[in-house]
PDB file of N, CA and C in Angstrom:
ATOM      1  N   LEU A   1     135.725 124.351  47.171  1.00  0.00           N
ATOM      2  CA  LEU A   1     135.673 122.973  48.226  1.00  0.00           C
ATOM      3  C   LEU A   1     135.167 122.042  47.487  1.00  0.00           C
ATOM      4  N   VAL A   2     135.596 120.930  47.306  1.00  0.00           N
ATOM      5  CA  VAL A   2     135.033 119.431  46.820  1.00  0.00           C
ATOM      6  C   VAL A   2     134.721 118.734  47.701  1.00  0.00           C
ATOM      7  N   ILE A   3     133.250 118.278  47.494  1.00  0.00           N
ATOM      8  CA  ILE A   3     132.651 116.955  48.299  1.00  0.00           C
ATOM      9  C   ILE A   3     132.516 115.934  47.400  1.00  0.00           C
ATOM     10  N   PHE A   4     132.831 114.806  47.906  1.00  0.00           N
ATOM     11  CA  PHE A   4     132.675 113.645  47.570  1.00  0.00           C
ATOM     12  C   PHE A   4     131.839 112.475  47.625  1.00  0.00           C
ATOM     13  N   GLY A   5     130.450 112.738  46.900  1.00  0.00           N
ATOM     14  CA  GLY A   5     129.304 112.561  47.045  1.00  0.00           C
ATOM     15  C   GLY A   5     128.259 114.254  46.946  1.00  0.00           C
ATOM     16  N   ASP A   6     127.189 113.560  47.987  1.00  0.00           N
ATOM     17  CA  ASP A   6     125.924 114.720  47.454  1.00  0.00           C
ATOM     18  C   ASP A   6     126.092 115.343  48.763  1.00  0.00           C
ATOM     19  N   GLY A   7     127.436 115.769  50.227  1.00  0.00           N
ATOM     20  CA  GLY A   7     127.398 116.099  51.023  1.00  0.00           C
ATOM     21  C   GLY A   7     126.682 115.623  52.443  1.00  0.00           C
ATOM     22  N   LYS A   8     125.641 114.670  51.631  1.00  0.00           N
ATOM     23  CA  LYS A   8     125.115 114.291  53.460  1.00  0.00           C
ATOM     24  C   LYS A   8     125.601 113.308  54.268  1.00  0.00           C
ATOM     25  N   GLN A   9     126.185 112.591  53.738  1.00  0.00           N
ATOM     26  CA  GLN A   9     127.155 111.726  54.632  1.00  0.00           C
ATOM     27  C   GLN A   9     127.128 112.746  55.917  1.00  0.00           C
ATOM     28  N   THR A  10     127.353 111.767  57.240  1.00  0.00           N
ATOM     29  CA  THR A  10     127.719 112.307  58.209  1.00  0.00           C
ATOM     30  C   THR A  10     128.726 111.928  59.049  1.00  0.00           C
ATOM     31  N   ARG A  11     129.311 112.757  59.773  1.00  0.00           N
ATOM     32  CA  ARG A  11     130.829 112.539  60.610  1.00  0.00           C
ATOM     33  C   ARG A  11     130.486 113.419  62.132  1.00  0.00           C
ATOM     34  N   ASP A  12     131.218 113.035  63.121  1.00  0.00           N
ATOM     35  CA  ASP A  12     130.734 113.450  64.501  1.00  0.00           C
ATOM     36  C   ASP A  12     131.905 113.929  64.966  1.00  0.00           C
ATOM     37  N   PHE A  13     132.303 115.543  64.071  1.00  0.00           N
ATOM     38  CA  PHE A  13     133.579 115.768  64.856  1.00  0.00           C
ATOM     39  C   PHE A  13     133.616 116.424  65.772  1.00  0.00           C
ATOM     40  N   ILE A  14     135.096 116.450  66.346  1.00  0.00           N
ATOM     41  CA  ILE A  14     135.229 117.228  68.082  1.00  0.00           C
ATOM     42  C   ILE A  14     136.502 117.330  67.877  1.00  0.00           C
ATOM     43  N   TYR A  15     136.525 119.081  68.489  1.00  0.00           N
ATOM     44  CA  TYR A  15     137.722 120.013  68.352  1.00  0.00           C
ATOM     45  C   TYR A  15     138.391 119.059  68.898  1.00  0.00           C
ATOM     46  N   VAL A  16     139.861 119.534  68.909  1.00  0.00           N
ATOM     47  CA  VAL A  16     141.199 119.284  69.508  1.00  0.00           C
ATOM     48  C   VAL A  16     141.301 118.758  71.330  1.00  0.00           C
ATOM     49  N   LYS A  17     140.843 120.270  71.315  1.00  0.00           N
ATOM     50  CA  LYS A  17     141.005 120.221  72.726  1.00  0.00           C
ATOM     51  C   LYS A  17     140.186 119.741  73.771  1.00  0.00           C
ATOM     52  N   ASP A  18     138.960 119.247  73.089  1.00  0.00           N
ATOM     53  CA  ASP A  18     138.175 118.198  74.308  1.00  0.00           C
ATOM     54  C   ASP A  18     138.793 116.304  74.020  1.00  0.00           C
ATOM     55  N   VAL A  19     139.459 116.256  72.772  1.00  0.00           N
ATOM     56  CA  VAL A  19     140.495 115.523  72.534  1.00  0.00           C
ATOM     57  C   VAL A  19     141.749 114.760  73.986  1.00  0.00           C
ATOM     58  N   VAL A  20     141.966 115.892  74.001  1.00  0.00           N
ATOM     59  CA  VAL A  20     143.057 115.991  74.878  1.00  0.00           C
ATOM     60  C   VAL A  20     142.865 116.077  75.978  1.00  0.00           C
ATOM     61  N   ARG A  21     142.129 116.765  76.446  1.00  0.00           N
ATOM     62  CA  ARG A  21     141.248 116.461  77.931  1.00  0.00           C
ATOM     63  C   ARG A  21     140.481 115.167  77.749  1.00  0.00           C
ATOM     64  N   ALA A  22     139.649 114.430  76.961  1.00  0.00           N
ATOM     65  CA  ALA A  22     139.655 113.073  77.489  1.00  0.00           C
ATOM     66  C   ALA A  22     140.575 111.952  77.408  1.00  0.00           C
ATOM     67  N   ASN A  23     141.751 112.426  77.319  1.00  0.00           N
ATOM     68  CA  ASN A  23     142.768 111.914  77.078  1.00  0.00           C
ATOM     69  C   ASN A  23     143.405 111.625  78.490  1.00  0.00           C
ATOM     70  N   ILE A  24     143.447 112.936  79.040  1.00  0.00           N
ATOM     71  CA  ILE A  24     143.754 113.041  80.078  1.00  0.00           C
ATOM     72  C   ILE A  24     143.092 112.929  81.609  1.00  0.00           C
ATOM     73  N   LEU A  25     141.573 112.944  81.000  1.00  0.00           N
ATOM     74  CA  LEU A  25     140.592 112.366  81.865  1.00  0.00           C
ATOM     75  C   LEU A  25     140.683 110.682  82.001  1.00  0.00           C
ATOM     76  N   VAL A  26     141.122 110.319  80.643  1.00  0.00           N
ATOM     77  CA  VAL A  26     141.504 108.294  81.087  1.00  0.00           C
ATOM     78  C   VAL A  26     142.790 107.908  81.563  1.00  0.00           C
ATOM     79  N   ALA A  27     143.308 108.665  81.198  1.00  0.00           N
ATOM     80  CA  ALA A  27     145.198 108.354  81.728  1.00  0.00           C
ATOM     81  C   ALA A  27     145.127 109.380  83.384  1.00  0.00           C
ATOM     82  N   GLU A  28     144.170 109.870  84.279  1.00  0.00           N
ATOM     83  CA  GLU A  28     144.181 110.029  85.422  1.00  0.00           C
ATOM     84  C   GLU A  28     143.044 109.214  85.934  1.00  0.00           C
ATOM     85  N   SER A  29     142.208 107.921  85.312  1.00  0.00           N
ATOM     86  CA  SER A  29     141.666 107.068  86.458  1.00  0.00           C
ATOM     87  C   SER A  29     141.547 106.243  86.216  1.00  0.00           C
ATOM     88  N   ARG A  30     141.810 105.688  87.449  1.00  0.00           N
ATOM     89  CA  ARG A  30     142.003 104.159  87.482  1.00  0.00           C
ATOM     90  C   ARG A  30     140.906 102.894  86.737  1.00  0.00           C
ATOM     91  N   LYS A  31     139.091 103.790  86.822  1.00  0.00           N
ATOM     92  CA  LYS A  31     138.096 103.298  86.157  1.00  0.00           C
ATOM     93  C   LYS A  31     138.410 102.794  84.971  1.00  0.00           C
ATOM     94  N   ALA A  32     139.508 103.753  84.069  1.00  0.00           N
ATOM     95  CA  ALA A  32     139.692 103.422  82.846  1.00  0.00           C
ATOM     96  C   ALA A  32     140.395 102.427  82.395  1.00  0.00           C
ATOM     97  N   ASN A  33     141.245 101.851  83.252  1.00  0.00           N
ATOM     98  CA  ASN A  33     142.214 100.549  83.320  1.00  0.00           C
ATOM     99  C   ASN A  33     142.011 100.003  82.306  1.00  0.00           C
ATOM    100  N   GLY A  34     142.481  99.417  81.070  1.00  0.00           N
ATOM    101  CA  GLY A  34     142.279  98.711  80.496  1.00  0.00           C
ATOM    102  C   GLY A  34     141.128  98.431  79.422  1.00  0.00           C
ATOM    103  N   ARG A  35     140.635  99.566  79.047  1.00  0.00           N
ATOM    104  CA  ARG A  35     138.999  99.678  78.654  1.00  0.00           C
ATOM    105  C   ARG A  35     139.728 100.648  77.427  1.00  0.00           C
ATOM    106  N   VAL A  36     138.779 100.943  76.175  1.00  0.00           N
ATOM    107  CA  VAL A  36     138.577 101.482  75.359  1.00  0.00           C
ATOM    108  C   VAL A  36     137.422 102.627  75.057  1.00  0.00           C
ATOM    109  N   PHE A  37     137.644 103.681  74.921  1.00  0.00           N
ATOM    110  CA  PHE A  37     137.034 104.755  74.591  1.00  0.00           C
ATOM    111  C   PHE A  37     136.785 105.948  73.595  1.00  0.00           C
ATOM    112  N   ASN A  38     135.597 105.453  72.360  1.00  0.00           N
ATOM    113  CA  ASN A  38     135.353 106.364  71.924  1.00  0.00           C
ATOM    114  C   ASN A  38     135.064 107.678  72.420  1.00  0.00           C
ATOM    115  N   VAL A  39     135.653 109.032  71.611  1.00  0.00           N
ATOM    116  CA  VAL A  39     136.041 110.201  71.824  1.00  0.00           C
ATOM    117  C   VAL A  39     135.460 110.714  71.232  1.00  0.00           C
ATOM    118  N   ALA A  40     134.144 111.774  71.248  1.00  0.00           N
ATOM    119  CA  ALA A  40     133.551 111.941  69.955  1.00  0.00           C
ATOM    120  C   ALA A  40     132.523 112.955  70.789  1.00  0.00           C
ATOM    121  N   THR A  41     131.479 113.649  69.873  1.00  0.00           N
ATOM    122  CA  THR A  41     130.737 114.209  70.605  1.00  0.00           C
ATOM    123  C   THR A  41     129.505 113.450  70.514  1.00  0.00           C
ATOM    124  N   GLY A  42     129.377 113.073  69.844  1.00  0.00           N
ATOM    125  CA  GLY A  42     128.055 111.991  69.974  1.00  0.00           C
ATOM    126  C   GLY A  42     127.287 112.363  69.370  1.00  0.00           C
ATOM    127  N   GLY A  43     127.235 113.167  67.914  1.00  0.00           N
ATOM    128  CA  GLY A  43     126.340 113.909  67.343  1.00  0.00           C
ATOM    129  C   GLY A  43     126.721 113.614  65.774  1.00  0.00           C
ATOM    130  N   GLN A  44     126.600 114.182  64.725  1.00  0.00           N
ATOM    131  CA  GLN A  44     125.962 113.997  63.690  1.00  0.00           C
ATOM    132  C   GLN A  44     126.585 115.292  63.003  1.00  0.00           C
ATOM    133  N   THR A  45     127.460 115.778  61.930  1.00  0.00           N
ATOM    134  CA  THR A  45     126.939 117.055  60.953  1.00  0.00           C
ATOM    135  C   THR A  45     127.638 116.539  59.387  1.00  0.00           C
ATOM    136  N   THR A  46     126.881 117.162  58.714  1.00  0.00           N
ATOM    137  CA  THR A  46     127.127 116.785  57.708  1.00  0.00           C
ATOM    138  C   THR A  46     128.356 116.786  56.783  1.00  0.00           C
ATOM    139  N   ILE A  47     128.724 116.451  55.550  1.00  0.00           N
ATOM    140  CA  ILE A  47     129.994 117.515  55.382  1.00  0.00           C
ATOM    141  C   ILE A  47     129.526 118.545  54.423  1.00  0.00           C
ATOM    142  N   LEU A  48     127.829 118.774  53.717  1.00  0.00           N
ATOM    143  CA  LEU A  48     127.679 119.927  53.272  1.00  0.00           C
ATOM    144  C   LEU A  48     128.151 120.784  54.737  1.00  0.00           C
ATOM    145  N   GLU A  49     127.319 120.449  55.560  1.00  0.00           N
ATOM    146  CA  GLU A  49     127.316 121.027  56.697  1.00  0.00           C
ATOM    147  C   GLU A  49     128.747 122.106  57.345  1.00  0.00           C
ATOM    148  N   LEU A  50     129.466 121.249  57.401  1.00  0.00           N
ATOM    149  CA  LEU A  50     130.489 121.860  57.776  1.00  0.00           C
ATOM    150  C   LEU A  50     131.364 122.528  56.198  1.00  0.00           C
ATOM    151  N   ALA A  51     131.613 122.153  55.180  1.00  0.00           N
ATOM    152  CA  ALA A  51     131.544 122.975  54.276  1.00  0.00           C
ATOM    153  C   ALA A  51     130.766 124.260  54.636  1.00  0.00           C
ATOM    154  N   MET A  52     129.805 124.266  54.667  1.00  0.00           N
ATOM    155  CA  MET A  52     128.916 125.676  54.384  1.00  0.00           C
ATOM    156  C   MET A  52     129.543 126.175  55.662  1.00  0.00           C
ATOM    157  N   LYS A  53     129.532 126.142  56.858  1.00  0.00           N
ATOM    158  CA  LYS A  53     130.695 126.442  58.107  1.00  0.00           C
ATOM    159  C   LYS A  53     131.684 127.259  57.912  1.00  0.00           C
ATOM    160  N   ILE A  54     132.648 126.068  57.226  1.00  0.00           N
ATOM    161  CA  ILE A  54     134.244 127.129  56.920  1.00  0.00           C
ATOM    162  C   ILE A  54     133.447 127.999  56.182  1.00  0.00           C
ATOM    163  N   ILE A  55     132.948 127.904  54.928  1.00  0.00           N
ATOM    164  CA  ILE A  55     132.852 129.147  54.121  1.00  0.00           C
ATOM    165  C   ILE A  55     132.242 130.339  54.621  1.00  0.00           C
ATOM    166  N   GLU A  56     131.428 130.219  55.412  1.00  0.00           N
ATOM    167  CA  GLU A  56     131.074 131.308  56.776  1.00  0.00           C
ATOM    168  C   GLU A  56     132.106 132.292  57.481  1.00  0.00           C
ATOM    169  N   ILE A  57     132.812 131.112  58.191  1.00  0.00           N
ATOM    170  CA  ILE A  57     133.360 131.376  59.416  1.00  0.00           C
ATOM    171  C   ILE A  57     134.676 132.129  58.467  1.00  0.00           C
ATOM    172  N   THR A  58     135.103 131.860  57.353  1.00  0.00           N
ATOM    173  CA  THR A  58     136.578 132.076  56.714  1.00  0.00           C
ATOM    174  C   THR A  58     136.161 133.620  55.644  1.00  0.00           C
ATOM    175  N   ASN A  59     134.223 133.825  55.864  1.00  0.00           N
ATOM    176  CA  ASN A  59     134.259 134.630  54.764  1.00  0.00           C
ATOM    177  C   ASN A  59     134.657 134.664  53.347  1.00  0.00           C
ATOM    178  N   ALA A  60     134.767 133.334  52.932  1.00  0.00           N
ATOM    179  CA  ALA A  60     135.099 132.340  51.709  1.00  0.00           C
ATOM    180  C   ALA A  60     134.305 132.832  50.664  1.00  0.00           C
ATOM    181  N   THR A  61     134.519 133.188  49.479  1.00  0.00           N
ATOM    182  CA  THR A  61     133.721 133.362  48.148  1.00  0.00           C
ATOM    183  C   THR A  61     133.988 132.014  47.420  1.00  0.00           C
ATOM    184  N   SER A  62     134.484 131.067  47.948  1.00  0.00           N
ATOM    185  CA  SER A  62     134.652 129.529  47.781  1.00  0.00           C
ATOM    186  C   SER A  62     133.080 129.264  47.307  1.00  0.00           C
ATOM    187  N   SER A  63     133.247 128.037  46.096  1.00  0.00           N
ATOM    188  CA  SER A  63     132.173 127.754  45.940  1.00  0.00           C
ATOM    189  C   SER A  63     131.644 126.143  46.295  1.00  0.00           C
ATOM    190  N   ILE A  64     130.663 125.144  46.189  1.00  0.00           N
ATOM    191  CA  ILE A  64     130.985 123.834  46.464  1.00  0.00           C
ATOM    192  C   ILE A  64     131.179 122.859  44.884  1.00  0.00           C
ATOM    193  N   LEU A  65     131.668 122.271  44.979  1.00  0.00           N
ATOM    194  CA  LEU A  65     131.756 121.263  43.731  1.00  0.00           C
ATOM    195  C   LEU A  65     131.586 119.748  44.312  1.00  0.00           C
ATOM    196  N   PHE A  66     130.557 119.374  43.658  1.00  0.00           N
ATOM    197  CA  PHE A  66     130.202 117.987  43.982  1.00  0.00           C
ATOM    198  C   PHE A  66     131.018 116.948  42.596  1.00  0.00           C
ATOM    199  N   ASP A  67     131.614 116.108  43.732  1.00  0.00           N
ATOM    200  CA  ASP A  67     132.252 115.091  42.868  1.00  0.00           C
ATOM    201  C   ASP A  67     131.730 113.806  43.470  1.00  0.00           C
ATOM    202  N   LYS A  68     132.373 112.847  42.295  1.00  0.00           N
ATOM    203  CA  LYS A  68     131.829 111.522  42.534  1.00  0.00           C
ATOM    204  C   LYS A  68     131.992 110.916  44.250  1.00  0.00           C
ATOM    205  N   PRO A  69     131.082 109.930  44.599  1.00  0.00           N
ATOM    206  CA  PRO A  69     131.477 109.322  45.625  1.00  0.00           C
ATOM    207  C   PRO A  69     133.196 108.660  46.068  1.00  0.00           C
ATOM    208  N   ARG A  70     133.934 108.532  46.737  1.00  0.00           N
ATOM    209  CA  ARG A  70     135.194 107.668  46.765  1.00  0.00           C
ATOM    210  C   ARG A  70     134.450 106.832  47.135  1.00  0.00           C
ATOM    211  N   PRO A  71     135.072 105.656  46.605  1.00  0.00           N
ATOM    212  CA  PRO A  71     134.481 103.886  46.632  1.00  0.00           C
ATOM    213  C   PRO A  71     135.268 103.543  48.166  1.00  0.00           C
ATOM    214  N   GLY A  72     134.114 102.634  48.763  1.00  0.00           N
ATOM    215  CA  GLY A  72     134.540 102.822  50.100  1.00  0.00           C
ATOM    216  C   GLY A  72     134.083 103.454  51.289  1.00  0.00           C
ATOM    217  N   ASP A  73     133.716 104.553  51.032  1.00  0.00           N
ATOM    218  CA  ASP A  73     133.184 105.850  51.862  1.00  0.00           C
ATOM    219  C   ASP A  73     132.420 105.410  52.685  1.00  0.00           C
ATOM    220  N   ILE A  74     131.612 105.556  53.761  1.00  0.00           N
ATOM    221  CA  ILE A  74     130.707 105.822  54.506  1.00  0.00           C
ATOM    222  C   ILE A  74     129.865 106.169  54.840  1.00  0.00           C
ATOM    223  N   ARG A  75     128.550 106.290  54.879  1.00  0.00           N
ATOM    224  CA  ARG A  75     127.797 106.964  54.600  1.00  0.00           C
ATOM    225  C   ARG A  75     127.277 107.634  56.105  1.00  0.00           C
ATOM    226  N   HIS A  76     127.441 106.948  57.400  1.00  0.00           N
ATOM    227  CA  HIS A  76     127.643 107.890  58.084  1.00  0.00           C
ATOM    228  C   HIS A  76     128.283 107.448  59.870  1.00  0.00           C
ATOM    229  N   SER A  77     128.637 108.579  60.363  1.00  0.00           N
ATOM    230  CA  SER A  77     129.377 107.973  61.065  1.00  0.00           C
ATOM    231  C   SER A  77     128.844 108.911  62.698  1.00  0.00           C
ATOM    232  N   GLN A  78     128.383 108.325  63.360  1.00  0.00           N
ATOM    233  CA  GLN A  78     128.531 108.870  64.813  1.00  0.00           C
ATOM    234  C   GLN A  78     129.003 107.905  66.294  1.00  0.00           C
ATOM    235  N   ALA A  79     129.346 108.412  66.807  1.00  0.00           N
ATOM    236  CA  ALA A  79     130.166 107.609  68.114  1.00  0.00           C
ATOM    237  C   ALA A  79     129.213 107.233  69.624  1.00  0.00           C
ATOM    238  N   ASP A  80     129.932 106.638  70.111  1.00  0.00           N
ATOM    239  CA  ASP A  80     128.766 106.114  71.101  1.00  0.00           C
ATOM    240  C   ASP A  80     129.578 106.114  71.945  1.00  0.00           C
ATOM    241  N   ILE A  81     129.086 107.725  72.767  1.00  0.00           N
ATOM    242  CA  ILE A  81     130.164 108.312  73.772  1.00  0.00           C
ATOM    243  C   ILE A  81     129.951 107.757  75.096  1.00  0.00           C
ATOM    244  N   SER A  82     129.296 106.927  75.792  1.00  0.00           N
ATOM    245  CA  SER A  82     127.972 106.750  76.667  1.00  0.00           C
ATOM    246  C   SER A  82     129.339 105.990  77.589  1.00  0.00           C
ATOM    247  N   GLU A  83     130.160 105.354  77.244  1.00  0.00           N
ATOM    248  CA  GLU A  83     130.712 104.927  77.993  1.00  0.00           C
ATOM    249  C   GLU A  83     132.512 106.173  78.862  1.00  0.00           C
ATOM    250  N   ILE A  84     132.903 106.865  78.165  1.00  0.00           N
ATOM    251  CA  ILE A  84     133.254 108.060  78.393  1.00  0.00           C
ATOM    252  C   ILE A  84     133.018 109.225  79.324  1.00  0.00           C
ATOM    253  N   ARG A  85     131.760 109.326  79.094  1.00  0.00           N
ATOM    254  CA  ARG A  85     130.673 110.042  79.604  1.00  0.00           C
ATOM    255  C   ARG A  85     130.351 109.447  81.247  1.00  0.00           C
ATOM    256  N   LYS A  86     130.604 108.280  81.165  1.00  0.00           N
ATOM    257  CA  LYS A  86     130.574 107.202  82.791  1.00  0.00           C
ATOM    258  C   LYS A  86     131.840 108.252  83.712  1.00  0.00           C
ATOM    259  N   LEU A  87     132.959 108.564  82.987  1.00  0.00           N
ATOM    260  CA  LEU A  87     134.178 108.794  83.951  1.00  0.00           C
ATOM    261  C   LEU A  87     133.736 110.340  84.297  1.00  0.00           C
ATOM    262  N   GLY A  88     132.775 110.998  83.260  1.00  0.00           N
ATOM    263  CA  GLY A  88     132.527 112.252  83.343  1.00  0.00           C
ATOM    264  C   GLY A  88     132.837 113.562  82.350  1.00  0.00           C
ATOM    265  N   PHE A  89     133.535 112.597  81.572  1.00  0.00           N
ATOM    266  CA  PHE A  89     133.692 113.637  80.021  1.00  0.00           C
ATOM    267  C   PHE A  89     132.256 113.642  78.954  1.00  0.00           C
ATOM    268  N   GLU A  90     132.337 115.078  79.089  1.00  0.00           N
ATOM    269  CA  GLU A  90     131.176 115.915  77.893  1.00  0.00           C
ATOM    270  C   GLU A  90     132.245 116.728  76.850  1.00  0.00           C
ATOM    271  N   PRO A  91     131.966 117.001  76.217  1.00  0.00           N
ATOM    272  CA  PRO A  91     132.137 117.616  75.066  1.00  0.00           C
ATOM    273  C   PRO A  91     131.849 119.487  75.531  1.00  0.00           C
ATOM    274  N   GLU A  92     133.092 120.204  75.348  1.00  0.00           N
ATOM    275  CA  GLU A  92     132.995 121.899  75.614  1.00  0.00           C
ATOM    276  C   GLU A  92     132.412 122.480  74.663  1.00  0.00           C
ATOM    277  N   TRP A  93     133.315 121.929  73.652  1.00  0.00           N
ATOM    278  CA  TRP A  93     133.623 122.885  72.017  1.00  0.00           C
ATOM    279  C   TRP A  93     131.750 122.701  70.927  1.00  0.00           C
ATOM    280  N   THR A  94     131.790 123.362  70.488  1.00  0.00           N
ATOM    281  CA  THR A  94     131.078 123.428  69.422  1.00  0.00           C
ATOM    282  C   THR A  94     131.880 122.700  68.427  1.00  0.00           C
ATOM    283  N   LEU A  95     131.043 122.663  67.157  1.00  0.00           N
ATOM    284  CA  LEU A  95     131.717 122.862  65.865  1.00  0.00           C
ATOM    285  C   LEU A  95     131.766 124.080  65.216  1.00  0.00           C
ATOM    286  N   GLU A  96     131.232 125.061  65.682  1.00  0.00           N
ATOM    287  CA  GLU A  96     131.496 126.114  65.138  1.00  0.00           C
ATOM    288  C   GLU A  96     132.894 126.843  65.504  1.00  0.00           C
ATOM    289  N   ASP A  97     133.325 126.137  67.345  1.00  0.00           N
ATOM    290  CA  ASP A  97     133.378 127.080  68.227  1.00  0.00           C
ATOM    291  C   ASP A  97     135.308 126.984  67.501  1.00  0.00           C
ATOM    292  N   GLY A  98     134.995 125.181  67.853  1.00  0.00           N
ATOM    293  CA  GLY A  98     136.050 124.655  67.497  1.00  0.00           C
ATOM    294  C   GLY A  98     136.487 125.049  66.091  1.00  0.00           C
ATOM    295  N   LEU A  99     136.434 125.469  64.986  1.00  0.00           N
ATOM    296  CA  LEU A  99     136.355 125.746  63.798  1.00  0.00           C
ATOM    297  C   LEU A  99     136.816 127.048  63.714  1.00  0.00           C
ATOM    298  N   LYS A 100     136.285 128.356  64.474  1.00  0.00           N
ATOM    299  CA  LYS A 100     137.037 129.184  64.479  1.00  0.00           C
ATOM    300  C   LYS A 100     138.406 129.349  64.417  1.00  0.00           C
ATOM    301  N   LYS A 101     138.414 128.680  66.070  1.00  0.00           N
ATOM    302  CA  LYS A 101     139.948 128.820  66.963  1.00  0.00           C
ATOM    303  C   LYS A 101     140.815 128.198  65.768  1.00  0.00           C
ATOM    304  N   THR A 102     140.193 127.424  65.116  1.00  0.00           N
ATOM    305  CA  THR A 102     141.032 126.987  63.943  1.00  0.00           C
ATOM    306  C   THR A 102     141.231 127.483  63.240  1.00  0.00           C
ATOM    307  N   VAL A 103     140.583 127.773  62.580  1.00  0.00           N
ATOM    308  CA  VAL A 103     140.445 128.949  61.098  1.00  0.00           C
ATOM    309  C   VAL A 103     141.422 130.467  61.816  1.00  0.00           C
ATOM    310  N   GLU A 104     141.299 130.746  63.026  1.00  0.00           N
ATOM    311  CA  GLU A 104     142.007 131.811  63.994  1.00  0.00           C
ATOM    312  C   GLU A 104     143.688 131.672  64.144  1.00  0.00           C
ATOM    313  N   TRP A 105     143.686 130.095  64.752  1.00  0.00           N
ATOM    314  CA  TRP A 105     145.200 129.497  64.803  1.00  0.00           C
ATOM    315  C   TRP A 105     146.263 129.712  63.348  1.00  0.00           C
ATOM    316  N   TYR A 106     145.216 129.150  62.054  1.00  0.00           N
ATOM    317  CA  TYR A 106     146.165 128.964  60.604  1.00  0.00           C
ATOM    318  C   TYR A 106     146.195 130.552  60.525  1.00  0.00           C
ATOM    319  N   LYS A 107     145.267 131.521  60.487  1.00  0.00           N
ATOM    320  CA  LYS A 107     145.840 132.751  59.999  1.00  0.00           C
ATOM    321  C   LYS A 107     147.018 133.206  60.814  1.00  0.00           C
ATOM    322  N   ASN A 108     147.354 133.018  62.304  1.00  0.00           N
ATOM    323  CA  ASN A 108     147.913 133.525  63.444  1.00  0.00           C
ATOM    324  C   ASN A 108     149.567 133.068  62.833  1.00  0.00           C
ATOM    325  N   ASN A 109     149.714 131.860  62.372  1.00  0.00           N
ATOM    326  CA  ASN A 109     150.306 131.018  62.041  1.00  0.00           C
ATOM    327  C   ASN A 109     150.759 130.872  60.648  1.00  0.00           C
ATOM    328  N   LYS A 110     150.050 131.530  59.784  1.00  0.00           N
ATOM    329  CA  LYS A 110     150.828 131.981  58.153  1.00  0.00           C
ATOM    330  C   LYS A 110     151.874 132.473  58.139  1.00  0.00           C
ATOM    331  N   ALA A 111     151.790 133.466  58.715  1.00  0.00           N
ATOM    332  CA  ALA A 111     152.749 134.829  58.530  1.00  0.00           C
ATOM    333  C   ALA A 111     154.196 134.254  58.907  1.00  0.00           C
ATOM    334  N   ARG A 112     154.400 133.553  60.336  1.00  0.00           N
ATOM    335  CA  ARG A 112     155.641 132.803  61.088  1.00  0.00           C
ATOM    336  C   ARG A 112     155.533 131.522  59.622  1.00  0.00           C
ATOM    337  N   ASP A 113     154.852 130.889  59.121  1.00  0.00           N
ATOM    338  CA  ASP A 113     155.391 129.766  58.213  1.00  0.00           C
ATOM    339  C   ASP A 113     156.163 130.429  57.138  1.00  0.00           C
ATOM    340  N   LEU A 114     155.856 131.366  56.784  1.00  0.00           N
ATOM    341  CA  LEU A 114     155.572 131.940  55.259  1.00  0.00           C
ATOM    342  C   LEU A 114     157.594 132.634  55.809  1.00  0.00           C
ATOM    343  N   THR A 115     157.136 132.634  56.847  1.00  0.00           N
ATOM    344  CA  THR A 115     159.012 133.326  57.107  1.00  0.00           C
ATOM    345  C   THR A 115     160.131 132.172  57.290  1.00  0.00           C
ATOM    346  N   VAL A 116     159.605 131.270  57.832  1.00  0.00           N
ATOM    347  CA  VAL A 116     160.269 130.183  58.279  1.00  0.00           C
ATOM    348  C   VAL A 116     160.635 129.790  57.018  1.00  0.00           C
ATOM    349  N   LYS A 117     159.791 130.049  56.138  1.00  0.00           N
ATOM    350  CA  LYS A 117     160.222 129.005  54.816  1.00  0.00           C
ATOM    351  C   LYS A 117     161.091 129.819  53.755  1.00  0.00           C
ATOM    352  N   SER A 118     160.739 131.234  53.806  1.00  0.00           N
ATOM    353  CA  SER A 118     161.900 132.616  53.476  1.00  0.00           C
ATOM    354  C   SER A 118     163.282 132.383  53.753  1.00  0.00           C
ATOM    355  N   GLU A 119     163.167 132.270  55.238  1.00  0.00           N
ATOM    356  CA  GLU A 119     164.477 131.827  55.954  1.00  0.00           C
ATOM    357  C   GLU A 119     165.274 130.531  55.469  1.00  0.00           C
ATOM    358  N   ASP A 120     164.735 129.457  55.028  1.00  0.00           N
ATOM    359  CA  ASP A 120     165.082 128.237  54.735  1.00  0.00           C
ATOM    360  C   ASP A 120     166.048 128.016  53.356  1.00  0.00           C
ATOM    361  N   ARG A 121     165.161 129.156  52.952  1.00  0.00           N
ATOM    362  CA  ARG A 121     165.963 129.372  51.187  1.00  0.00           C
ATOM    363  C   ARG A 121     167.405 130.416  50.774  1.00  0.00           C
ATOM    364  N   THR A 122     167.730 130.903  52.558  1.00  0.00           N
ATOM    365  CA  THR A 122     168.541 131.556  52.537  1.00  0.00           C
ATOM    366  C   THR A 122     170.066 131.337  53.214  1.00  0.00           C
TER     367      THR A 122
END
C-alpha cells in the first residue's frame, strides 16, 4: 500500500450506509429545508491507521510504502456534524465494521465481476 506523506494526516471516514441514512433523514425533515449538513463521524483516523486496519481485515501480507506528500494535500480533515446531530443523526457504523462489510462485498462480487467480463469476450 502506498501512503503519500508520513501517514499521520487524518480524515473523517464514514460508511456509506450511514451516509444513506443521513440523506434520508434530511430529505424527510422539514427542519432541514434549505440547509447544508456535514455527513461524517465527527472523528479522525490517520491514513496509516486506515492502511493497517485494511491489512489486518484482509489478512494481507502487503507492506506499507511511504512516498512524498501530494502537493496541496490537506494535513487534517474532521467534519463538524453538530447541525445534523440536531436532526437526530448519529453514525452507527465504526470504521472497522464498515471496512469489514466493504471487504466482504468485494469478495462476494469479485467472482461475479470476473464471470461478466468473461461473458463479454464471447
